[in-house]
Amino acid sequence: MTFTTPTPELAKLGNWLTSWVRPSGAIYGFNNHSVWGANTYRMGDFTAGHSTWSSPYLAGISEALTQQSDPRGLELIKRLIDYQTTSFQDGDIYRHIGYETGELSNKALIHNAIANLSLGLAAVNGRAYLEDSQMESIHAAIIRNMKGCEHFGGGRPDENGTCNQEYARIWAKLLFQQAFEDNRWQDELVEDIDYMIQHFHQSGFPDDECTATLRATSITDIVEPAEYYGLMICPLILATELYQNDRYLDEAGRICRHVARSHWVDEKGQIRFHRLWFKTNNEWKVNNTPMLIAGMGDSLEGIQRYLKHRPDAELENFLTACDKTYSYYQHSRGFFASATGWLGEADIAPSTAWHSHDFRYLVHRQGINADFWDTIFQQDQTQISVLLGDRCYWIEQGPHWAIRDYLWECTFDLVGRKDRVRFGRNLPDWIEGGWHPGEEYIIPEQPVFIQTDDFIAPWEGDMKNVIVHSIARKPFVSDI
């Protein structure tokens, strides 16, 4: 496909994500949830280890390998699969499911389901190149985890279920059926999809050609936020393909239009996902912000998959506009600005967990180029990458990362490493208690920035190897 507007640089995004992957196959990251505004720092957890919400990276790598084989990519996918299929806790549910709560949480359906559907996509993509042992590991892990997740609703949707979570479980079962020709859930899946359509789908957002979904049947005055709709669209489309039922495709199309027609244009002129629709005084209204940028990938992939069945100029134009949004907010290091409107670290701290969803979508939409594998495995330990926000800035170099304060402000000053689970506050020496990072946590010769009433500018440090991008409202000036 030829794009006529700027598009994000997929290989650079892949390089950034790969820099967080450990030899074990774990995907570390500062787990910043830019929809809810929470992260492990806010939760007081201070861990930046693996999260199952990052597993779509595994699915994206698996699809890239279907387009162009590479021995480094094959070794990487094996590590990722081996880690995810063996990381269980008691009760046959996966470990590392806390995401923005880190290790504080150990029970959640959605974080188990996302790992299963990522493994399922890897199995579908990898039938031609995965070894039998890897396929068997995926098969066994999904069955084991589905059994463990019977704790949630007996394994099927009910009046206590959450829409996107139940649809993600359905998608994982459909992918399992497609990958392994194992139809153990075939009959119940038809019943479950019909149940979801009957009890969760709501038309009229923003018009009668569109359908949103309730997040829960007990909550009737708010519908699901925009970034989750791919978890509804994709299983409906796969069910259409497996069961030859166009009613599912009709529902998928209505949800696609809900996402596209609810968009807004931000102050930078970029098309953005809306946050959600809510009801007040018997009138439905749309809320736009604060809202993510990184993390649009699930819903956009759903629209992309729908277009393969039914071409639609309106939806294709929406995807093209979102490509431009990604490109506008992409740092040259490869990551995207996470969000706008939070006016804190949730805007500027990139999360491997949400970025992995975008990576999977962009592999599916763009395809990879001849330099893809060389690019994602490149290492540059010298470049310092900075993203300026309104109240703090993200900075990284090689294995180091930090969320820094502007000069003589003292709110964040978090330091971490991509190869360490533990991160924390960079406490000054005069504070005797608490956790003090070792020297290996500190970026050597890092620049310091000042925020004045009128602008943001470098204050001290050599800017020679520093690349600065800004989403702050105040202008950045390179010299004062």
Protein backbone atom coordinates (compact mmCIF):
# COMPACT_ATOMS: atom_id res chain seq x y z
CA MET A 1 0.00 0.00 0.00
CA THR A 2 1.27 3.48 -0.88
CA PHE A 3 0.80 6.15 1.75
CA THR A 4 0.38 9.76 0.72
CA THR A 5 0.72 11.22 4.22
CA PRO A 6 3.51 10.88 6.79
CA THR A 7 3.57 7.48 8.45
CA PRO A 8 5.29 6.32 11.63
CA GLU A 9 8.67 4.66 11.41
CA LEU A 10 7.86 1.07 12.31
CA ALA A 11 11.42 -0.24 12.47
CA LYS A 12 12.47 2.51 14.90
CA LEU A 13 9.50 1.67 17.09
CA GLY A 14 10.56 -1.97 16.96
CA ASN A 15 14.12 -1.02 17.90
CA TRP A 16 12.90 0.89 20.95
CA LEU A 17 10.68 -1.97 22.07
CA THR A 18 13.45 -4.52 21.54
CA SER A 19 15.75 -2.51 23.80
CA TRP A 20 13.51 -3.51 26.73
CA VAL A 21 13.53 -7.27 26.00
CA ARG A 22 15.64 -9.29 28.39
CA PRO A 23 17.66 -12.45 27.54
CA SER A 24 14.94 -14.47 29.30
CA GLY A 25 12.26 -13.19 26.89
CA ALA A 26 10.70 -10.90 29.50
CA ILE A 27 9.65 -7.46 28.25
CA TYR A 28 10.44 -4.81 30.84
CA GLY A 29 9.04 -1.30 30.83
CA PHE A 30 7.84 1.64 32.90
CA ASN A 31 4.22 0.49 32.92
CA ASN A 32 2.42 3.76 32.36
CA HIS A 33 -1.32 3.51 31.65
CA SER A 34 -2.03 6.61 29.61
CA VAL A 35 -5.80 5.96 29.51
CA TRP A 36 -6.32 5.88 33.27
CA GLY A 37 -3.32 8.02 34.22
CA ALA A 38 -1.87 5.39 36.56
CA ASN A 39 1.53 3.72 36.69
CA THR A 40 3.61 1.74 39.14
CA TYR A 41 5.12 4.95 40.54
CA ARG A 42 1.65 6.30 41.31
CA MET A 43 0.72 2.95 42.86
CA GLY A 44 3.83 2.91 45.05
CA ASP A 45 5.01 -0.34 43.48
CA PHE A 46 8.30 0.84 41.88
CA THR A 47 8.72 -2.16 39.58
CA ALA A 48 9.34 -1.99 35.84
CA GLY A 49 9.42 -5.69 35.06
CA HIS A 50 7.51 -7.83 32.57
CA SER A 51 3.83 -7.25 31.87
CA THR A 52 1.52 -9.52 29.88
CA TRP A 53 0.00 -6.34 28.42
CA SER A 54 3.23 -6.09 26.41
CA SER A 55 2.62 -9.48 24.76
CA PRO A 56 1.26 -7.96 21.49
CA TYR A 57 4.94 -7.26 20.73
CA LEU A 58 5.32 -11.04 20.47
CA ALA A 59 2.42 -11.18 18.00
CA GLY A 60 3.90 -8.33 15.96
CA ILE A 61 7.28 -10.05 15.70
CA SER A 62 5.53 -13.26 14.66
CA GLU A 63 3.76 -11.50 11.78
CA ALA A 64 6.96 -9.74 10.71
CA LEU A 65 8.56 -13.18 10.36
CA THR A 66 5.82 -14.27 7.96
CA GLN A 67 6.83 -11.38 5.71
CA GLN A 68 10.60 -11.81 5.90
CA SER A 69 12.44 -14.54 7.76
CA ASP A 70 15.51 -13.64 9.82
CA PRO A 71 17.57 -15.85 12.17
CA ARG A 72 17.70 -13.09 14.80
CA GLY A 73 13.95 -12.68 14.63
CA LEU A 74 13.44 -16.43 14.94
CA GLU A 75 15.67 -16.55 18.01
CA LEU A 76 13.76 -13.61 19.48
CA ILE A 77 10.31 -15.12 18.95
CA LYS A 78 11.45 -18.37 20.56
CA ARG A 79 12.62 -16.49 23.67
CA LEU A 80 9.38 -14.54 23.86
CA ILE A 81 7.22 -17.66 23.50
CA ASP A 82 9.29 -19.66 25.98
CA TYR A 83 8.99 -16.94 28.59
CA GLN A 84 5.27 -16.30 28.19
CA THR A 85 4.25 -19.97 28.05
CA THR A 86 6.11 -20.83 31.27
CA SER A 87 5.33 -17.76 33.41
CA PHE A 88 2.53 -19.09 35.61
CA GLN A 89 1.50 -18.42 39.18
CA ASP A 90 -0.64 -20.57 41.44
CA GLY A 91 -4.09 -21.20 40.05
CA ASP A 92 -2.90 -21.61 36.44
CA ILE A 93 -3.01 -17.91 35.64
CA TYR A 94 -0.08 -15.98 34.22
CA ARG A 95 2.42 -14.04 36.26
CA HIS A 96 3.09 -10.33 35.71
CA ILE A 97 -0.51 -9.33 35.04
CA GLY A 98 -0.52 -6.14 37.13
CA TYR A 99 0.53 -3.75 34.34
CA GLU A 100 0.10 -0.26 35.87
CA THR A 101 -0.12 -1.79 39.36
CA GLY A 102 3.09 -3.77 38.89
CA GLU A 103 3.43 -6.69 41.28
CA LEU A 104 0.61 -5.46 43.54
CA SER A 105 -2.04 -7.28 41.47
CA ASN A 106 -2.22 -10.96 40.60
CA LYS A 107 -5.80 -11.46 39.39
CA ALA A 108 -7.28 -9.94 36.23
CA LEU A 109 -9.00 -11.57 33.27
CA ILE A 110 -7.93 -9.05 30.62
CA HIS A 111 -4.20 -9.45 31.29
CA ASN A 112 -4.47 -13.22 31.00
CA ALA A 113 -6.64 -12.99 27.88
CA ILE A 114 -4.25 -10.59 26.12
CA ALA A 115 -1.38 -13.04 26.59
CA ASN A 116 -3.49 -15.88 25.21
CA LEU A 117 -4.57 -13.97 22.12
CA SER A 118 -0.98 -12.85 21.52
CA LEU A 119 0.20 -16.45 21.75
CA GLY A 120 -2.70 -17.45 19.50
CA LEU A 121 -1.69 -14.90 16.86
CA ALA A 122 1.90 -16.14 17.11
CA ALA A 123 0.70 -19.69 16.50
CA VAL A 124 -1.44 -18.67 13.52
CA ASN A 125 1.42 -16.65 12.04
CA GLY A 126 4.11 -19.18 12.92
CA ARG A 127 2.70 -22.44 11.62
CA ALA A 128 5.22 -22.35 8.79
CA TYR A 129 8.31 -21.57 10.87
CA LEU A 130 7.77 -22.39 14.55
CA GLU A 131 9.14 -25.68 15.81
CA ASP A 132 6.72 -28.35 17.00
CA SER A 133 7.89 -27.81 20.57
CA GLN A 134 6.93 -24.12 20.45
CA MET A 135 3.51 -24.85 18.97
CA GLU A 136 2.94 -27.47 21.64
CA SER A 137 4.00 -25.02 24.36
CA ILE A 138 1.49 -22.46 23.10
CA HIS A 139 -1.26 -25.08 22.87
CA ALA A 140 -0.65 -26.31 26.41
CA ALA A 141 -0.26 -22.83 27.93
CA ILE A 142 -3.53 -21.52 26.48
CA ILE A 143 -5.50 -24.57 27.65
CA ARG A 144 -3.95 -24.34 31.11
CA ASN A 145 -4.65 -20.63 31.42
CA MET A 146 -8.21 -20.89 30.10
CA LYS A 147 -8.86 -23.44 32.82
CA GLY A 148 -7.38 -21.09 35.41
CA CYS A 149 -9.48 -18.21 34.11
CA GLU A 150 -12.69 -20.14 34.75
CA HIS A 151 -12.44 -18.24 38.03
CA PHE A 152 -13.86 -15.33 36.01
CA GLY A 153 -17.50 -16.05 35.19
CA GLY A 154 -17.01 -19.79 34.96
CA GLY A 155 -14.99 -19.23 31.79
CA ARG A 156 -17.76 -17.50 29.85
CA PRO A 157 -19.42 -14.07 29.76
CA ASP A 158 -22.18 -13.33 32.23
CA GLU A 159 -23.89 -10.37 33.91
CA ASN A 160 -20.74 -9.66 35.95
CA GLY A 161 -18.36 -9.57 32.98
CA THR A 162 -16.47 -6.63 31.51
CA CYS A 163 -17.04 -6.24 27.78
CA ASN A 164 -13.50 -5.86 26.43
CA GLN A 165 -12.22 -8.59 28.74
CA GLU A 166 -14.85 -11.12 27.70
CA TYR A 167 -14.32 -10.32 24.02
CA ALA A 168 -10.55 -10.74 24.45
CA ARG A 169 -11.15 -14.19 25.92
CA ILE A 170 -13.44 -15.02 22.99
CA TRP A 171 -10.81 -13.80 20.50
CA ALA A 172 -8.16 -15.97 22.15
CA LYS A 173 -10.41 -19.04 21.88
CA LEU A 174 -11.16 -18.31 18.22
CA LEU A 175 -7.43 -17.95 17.46
CA PHE A 176 -6.72 -21.19 19.31
CA GLN A 177 -9.33 -22.90 17.15
CA GLN A 178 -7.84 -21.40 13.98
CA ALA A 179 -4.23 -22.24 14.87
CA PHE A 180 -4.66 -25.79 16.10
CA GLU A 181 -7.92 -26.97 14.49
CA ASP A 182 -8.98 -27.80 18.03
CA ASN A 183 -12.70 -27.11 18.29
CA ARG A 184 -13.29 -27.75 21.96
CA TRP A 185 -14.91 -24.33 22.40
CA GLN A 186 -16.68 -24.08 19.05
CA ASP A 187 -20.30 -24.45 20.16
CA GLU A 188 -20.05 -22.20 23.20
CA LEU A 189 -18.29 -19.46 21.21
CA VAL A 190 -21.34 -18.89 19.01
CA GLU A 191 -23.49 -18.60 22.14
CA ASP A 192 -20.98 -16.28 23.80
CA ILE A 193 -20.73 -13.87 20.87
CA ASP A 194 -24.52 -13.71 20.61
CA TYR A 195 -24.67 -13.03 24.35
CA MET A 196 -22.22 -10.15 24.01
CA ILE A 197 -24.13 -8.58 21.11
CA GLN A 198 -27.44 -8.86 22.93
CA HIS A 199 -26.33 -7.55 26.32
CA PHE A 200 -23.44 -5.13 25.65
CA HIS A 201 -23.93 -3.54 22.22
CA GLN A 202 -25.60 -0.10 22.19
CA SER A 203 -26.39 1.79 18.98
CA GLY A 204 -26.50 5.55 18.46
CA PHE A 205 -22.95 6.72 19.25
CA PRO A 206 -22.75 9.21 17.61
CA ASP A 207 -25.48 8.17 15.15
CA ASP A 208 -27.69 5.23 14.26
CA GLU A 209 -25.07 3.71 11.94
CA CYS A 210 -22.70 3.24 14.88
CA THR A 211 -22.50 0.89 17.87
CA ALA A 212 -20.63 1.29 21.13
CA THR A 213 -20.45 -1.26 23.93
CA LEU A 214 -21.24 -0.95 27.59
CA ARG A 215 -18.22 -1.63 29.73
CA ALA A 216 -20.45 -3.56 32.13
CA THR A 217 -24.18 -4.29 32.00
CA SER A 218 -24.54 -2.79 35.47
CA ILE A 219 -23.10 0.54 34.24
CA THR A 220 -25.51 2.06 31.75
CA ASP A 221 -24.38 5.70 31.69
CA ILE A 222 -20.85 5.20 30.29
CA VAL A 223 -19.60 3.15 27.32
CA GLU A 224 -16.15 1.68 26.71
CA PRO A 225 -13.21 4.02 25.97
CA ALA A 226 -12.11 4.10 22.34
CA GLU A 227 -8.81 2.25 22.65
CA TYR A 228 -10.46 -1.05 23.62
CA TYR A 229 -12.74 -1.52 20.61
CA GLY A 230 -10.26 -3.59 18.66
CA LEU A 231 -10.79 -6.28 21.28
CA MET A 232 -14.42 -6.37 20.13
CA ILE A 233 -13.92 -5.80 16.40
CA CYS A 234 -11.20 -8.40 15.79
CA PRO A 235 -13.03 -11.40 17.30
CA LEU A 236 -16.21 -10.43 15.45
CA ILE A 237 -14.29 -10.42 12.18
CA LEU A 238 -12.55 -13.72 12.92
CA ALA A 239 -15.91 -15.24 13.86
CA THR A 240 -17.23 -14.03 10.50
CA GLU A 241 -14.39 -15.87 8.76
CA LEU A 242 -14.71 -19.08 10.79
CA TYR A 243 -18.51 -19.30 10.93
CA GLN A 244 -19.48 -17.48 7.70
CA ASN A 245 -21.93 -15.24 9.55
CA ASP A 246 -22.12 -11.72 8.12
CA ARG A 247 -24.13 -10.51 11.11
CA TYR A 248 -20.87 -10.45 13.05
CA LEU A 249 -19.25 -8.39 10.30
CA ASP A 250 -22.18 -5.96 10.39
CA GLU A 251 -21.64 -5.45 14.11
CA ALA A 252 -17.90 -5.01 13.60
CA GLY A 253 -18.51 -2.32 10.99
CA ARG A 254 -20.85 -0.42 13.28
CA ILE A 255 -18.20 -0.41 16.02
CA CYS A 256 -15.57 0.78 13.51
CA ARG A 257 -17.78 3.73 12.61
CA HIS A 258 -18.29 4.52 16.30
CA VAL A 259 -14.54 4.92 16.75
CA ALA A 260 -14.04 6.89 13.53
CA ARG A 261 -17.02 9.23 13.88
CA SER A 262 -16.30 10.03 17.54
CA HIS A 263 -12.84 11.44 16.76
CA TRP A 264 -11.68 14.94 17.63
CA VAL A 265 -8.88 17.21 16.41
CA ASP A 266 -6.31 18.29 18.99
CA GLU A 267 -4.52 21.62 19.33
CA LYS A 268 -1.72 20.35 17.08
CA GLY A 269 -4.22 19.64 14.30
CA GLN A 270 -4.02 15.86 14.71
CA ILE A 271 -6.93 13.40 14.54
CA ARG A 272 -7.34 11.70 17.92
CA PHE A 273 -9.36 8.96 19.58
CA HIS A 274 -12.15 10.22 21.82
CA ARG A 275 -12.03 9.12 25.44
CA LEU A 276 -15.60 7.89 25.99
CA TRP A 277 -19.28 8.73 25.84
CA PHE A 278 -21.15 9.42 29.09
CA LYS A 279 -24.74 10.20 30.00
CA THR A 280 -25.76 13.21 32.07
CA ASN A 281 -29.25 14.73 32.46
CA ASN A 282 -30.59 12.09 30.04
CA GLU A 283 -28.22 13.30 27.31
CA TRP A 284 -25.20 11.49 25.92
CA LYS A 285 -22.02 13.54 25.57
CA VAL A 286 -18.54 12.73 24.36
CA ASN A 287 -15.42 13.31 26.45
CA ASN A 288 -12.15 13.70 24.52
CA THR A 289 -9.35 14.28 26.98
CA PRO A 290 -7.13 13.36 28.73
CA MET A 291 -6.49 10.60 26.24
CA LEU A 292 -3.74 8.38 24.92
CA ILE A 293 -1.84 8.58 21.66
CA ALA A 294 0.24 5.44 22.04
CA GLY A 295 -2.23 2.58 22.38
CA MET A 296 -4.56 3.24 19.44
CA GLY A 297 -3.31 0.07 17.76
CA ASP A 298 -5.95 -2.46 18.84
CA SER A 299 -8.89 -0.45 17.53
CA LEU A 300 -7.03 0.60 14.38
CA GLU A 301 -6.12 -3.01 13.66
CA GLY A 302 -9.78 -3.94 14.00
CA ILE A 303 -10.69 -1.30 11.41
CA GLN A 304 -7.86 -2.48 9.14
CA ARG A 305 -9.11 -6.08 9.33
CA TYR A 306 -12.68 -4.95 8.64
CA LEU A 307 -11.58 -3.11 5.49
CA LYS A 308 -10.22 -6.35 4.05
CA HIS A 309 -13.83 -7.56 3.94
CA ARG A 310 -15.64 -4.32 3.14
CA PRO A 311 -13.73 -1.40 1.63
CA ASP A 312 -14.90 1.90 3.08
CA ALA A 313 -13.44 5.27 2.12
CA GLU A 314 -14.46 6.94 5.39
CA LEU A 315 -12.70 4.32 7.51
CA GLU A 316 -9.63 4.20 5.27
CA ASN A 317 -9.30 7.97 5.53
CA PHE A 318 -9.55 7.67 9.31
CA LEU A 319 -6.70 5.13 9.38
CA THR A 320 -4.60 7.38 7.18
CA ALA A 321 -5.24 10.33 9.49
CA CYS A 322 -4.24 8.22 12.51
CA ASP A 323 -1.04 7.21 10.71
CA LYS A 324 -0.28 10.91 10.49
CA THR A 325 -1.03 11.33 14.22
CA TYR A 326 1.40 8.56 15.10
CA SER A 327 4.03 10.14 12.88
CA TYR A 328 3.54 13.62 14.34
CA TYR A 329 3.97 12.37 17.91
CA GLN A 330 6.81 9.91 17.27
CA HIS A 331 10.19 10.69 18.78
CA SER A 332 13.14 9.94 16.50
CA ARG A 333 14.17 7.32 19.10
CA GLY A 334 11.08 5.37 18.01
CA PHE A 335 8.57 5.77 20.84
CA PHE A 336 5.44 7.93 20.75
CA ALA A 337 4.25 10.57 23.15
CA SER A 338 1.93 8.55 25.35
CA ALA A 339 -0.94 11.00 25.78
CA THR A 340 -2.04 14.58 26.22
CA GLY A 341 -4.14 16.19 28.91
CA TRP A 342 -2.66 14.58 32.02
CA LEU A 343 -0.10 17.37 32.47
CA GLY A 344 2.29 14.97 34.15
CA GLU A 345 4.34 11.85 33.55
CA ALA A 346 1.40 9.98 31.97
CA ASP A 347 1.79 12.19 28.88
CA ILE A 348 5.50 11.73 28.27
CA ALA A 349 6.60 8.39 29.77
CA PRO A 350 6.44 5.77 27.01
CA SER A 351 5.14 2.34 27.97
CA THR A 352 6.27 -0.83 26.24
CA ALA A 353 2.86 -2.26 27.12
CA TRP A 354 0.81 0.21 25.05
CA HIS A 355 3.47 0.68 22.37
CA SER A 356 3.48 -3.07 21.71
CA HIS A 357 -0.18 -2.85 20.62
CA ASP A 358 0.74 -0.12 18.15
CA PHE A 359 3.68 -2.19 16.90
CA ARG A 360 1.50 -5.21 16.16
CA TYR A 361 -0.99 -3.03 14.28
CA LEU A 362 1.66 -1.23 12.24
CA VAL A 363 3.31 -4.50 11.20
CA HIS A 364 -0.12 -5.65 10.05
CA ARG A 365 -0.92 -2.39 8.24
CA GLN A 366 2.40 -1.31 6.76
CA GLY A 367 4.37 -4.50 6.41
CA ILE A 368 8.11 -4.50 6.99
CA ASN A 369 10.84 -3.24 4.70
CA ALA A 370 14.17 -4.76 3.74
CA ASP A 371 16.02 -2.97 6.58
CA PHE A 372 13.56 -3.91 9.30
CA TRP A 373 15.52 -6.66 11.06
CA ASP A 374 18.84 -4.83 10.87
CA THR A 375 17.21 -1.72 12.32
CA ILE A 376 15.44 -3.30 15.28
CA PHE A 377 18.60 -5.03 16.46
CA GLN A 378 20.86 -1.97 16.22
CA GLN A 379 22.23 -0.58 19.48
CA ASP A 380 23.25 3.01 20.15
CA GLN A 381 24.56 3.66 23.65
CA THR A 382 25.50 7.31 23.05
CA GLN A 383 22.38 9.13 21.90
CA ILE A 384 20.38 10.86 24.63
CA SER A 385 16.67 11.10 23.81
CA VAL A 386 14.44 13.63 25.55
CA LEU A 387 10.69 14.22 25.40
CA LEU A 388 9.59 17.41 27.11
CA GLY A 389 6.21 17.66 28.79
CA ASP A 390 4.40 20.34 30.74
CA ARG A 391 5.56 19.28 34.22
CA CYS A 392 8.48 16.88 33.62
CA TYR A 393 10.48 15.22 30.88
CA TRP A 394 11.42 11.70 29.80
CA ILE A 395 15.10 11.04 29.12
CA GLU A 396 16.88 7.84 28.09
CA GLN A 397 20.31 6.73 26.96
CA GLY A 398 21.28 3.13 26.27
CA PRO A 399 19.94 1.09 29.22
CA HIS A 400 19.12 4.16 31.31
CA TRP A 401 15.80 5.93 31.63
CA ALA A 402 14.53 8.69 33.88
CA ILE A 403 11.58 11.01 34.48
CA ARG A 404 13.24 14.28 35.40
CA ASP A 405 12.09 17.57 36.83
CA TYR A 406 12.81 20.96 35.41
CA LEU A 407 15.45 23.00 37.22
CA TRP A 408 14.72 23.51 40.93
CA GLU A 409 11.42 21.67 40.76
CA CYS A 410 11.13 18.57 42.92
CA THR A 411 8.18 16.37 41.98
CA PHE A 412 9.38 13.27 40.12
CA ASP A 413 13.11 12.63 39.58
CA LEU A 414 12.62 8.91 38.95
CA VAL A 415 15.53 6.80 37.68
CA GLY A 416 15.58 3.29 36.28
CA ARG A 417 17.29 0.91 33.89
CA LYS A 418 15.84 -1.17 31.09
CA ASP A 419 17.57 -4.24 32.50
CA ARG A 420 16.36 -3.79 36.10
CA VAL A 421 12.97 -4.43 37.65
CA ARG A 422 13.51 -1.93 40.46
CA PHE A 423 13.33 1.81 39.86
CA GLY A 424 12.85 4.66 42.28
CA ARG A 425 13.32 8.21 43.37
CA ASN A 426 16.82 9.60 42.94
CA LEU A 427 17.12 10.70 46.54
CA PRO A 428 19.86 13.25 47.31
CA ASP A 429 22.68 12.26 49.63
CA TRP A 430 21.46 14.46 52.47
CA ILE A 431 18.43 12.16 52.86
CA GLU A 432 19.71 9.25 54.93
CA GLY A 433 16.74 6.86 54.63
CA GLY A 434 14.94 5.27 51.71
CA TRP A 435 16.18 3.64 48.51
CA HIS A 436 19.22 5.24 46.93
CA PRO A 437 20.08 4.20 43.37
CA GLY A 438 23.60 3.09 42.60
CA GLU A 439 25.76 4.97 40.15
CA GLU A 440 24.75 2.51 37.42
CA TYR A 441 21.27 4.06 37.42
CA ILE A 442 22.41 7.58 36.60
CA ILE A 443 22.75 8.86 33.04
CA PRO A 444 26.26 10.30 32.79
CA GLU A 445 26.53 13.91 31.62
CA GLN A 446 22.78 14.27 31.20
CA PRO A 447 21.43 17.71 30.32
CA VAL A 448 19.28 19.77 32.66
CA PHE A 449 16.34 21.86 31.40
CA ILE A 450 14.69 24.93 32.88
CA GLN A 451 11.05 25.92 32.56
CA THR A 452 10.37 29.64 32.74
CA ASP A 453 7.14 31.58 32.47
CA ASP A 454 7.61 31.81 28.72
CA PHE A 455 9.66 28.87 27.45
CA ILE A 456 11.63 25.66 28.15
CA ALA A 457 15.36 25.61 27.43
CA PRO A 458 18.60 23.72 28.21
CA TRP A 459 20.22 24.97 31.38
CA GLU A 460 23.40 22.93 31.63
CA GLY A 461 25.09 19.95 29.98
CA ASP A 462 26.49 19.15 26.55
CA MET A 463 23.69 18.99 23.97
CA LYS A 464 25.84 17.43 21.23
CA ASN A 465 24.29 13.94 21.37
CA VAL A 466 20.90 15.04 22.69
CA ILE A 467 17.74 14.82 20.56
CA VAL A 468 14.87 16.82 22.02
CA HIS A 469 11.20 16.56 21.09
CA SER A 470 8.50 18.47 22.93
CA ILE A 471 4.77 18.18 23.50
CA ALA A 472 4.78 20.94 26.12
CA ARG A 473 2.54 23.93 25.64
CA LYS A 474 5.41 26.35 26.19
CA PRO A 475 7.87 26.61 23.29
CA PHE A 476 11.26 24.94 23.46
CA VAL A 477 14.22 27.19 22.67
CA SER A 478 17.62 25.64 22.14
CA ASP A 479 19.64 28.58 23.50
CA ILE A 480 19.08 31.33 26.06
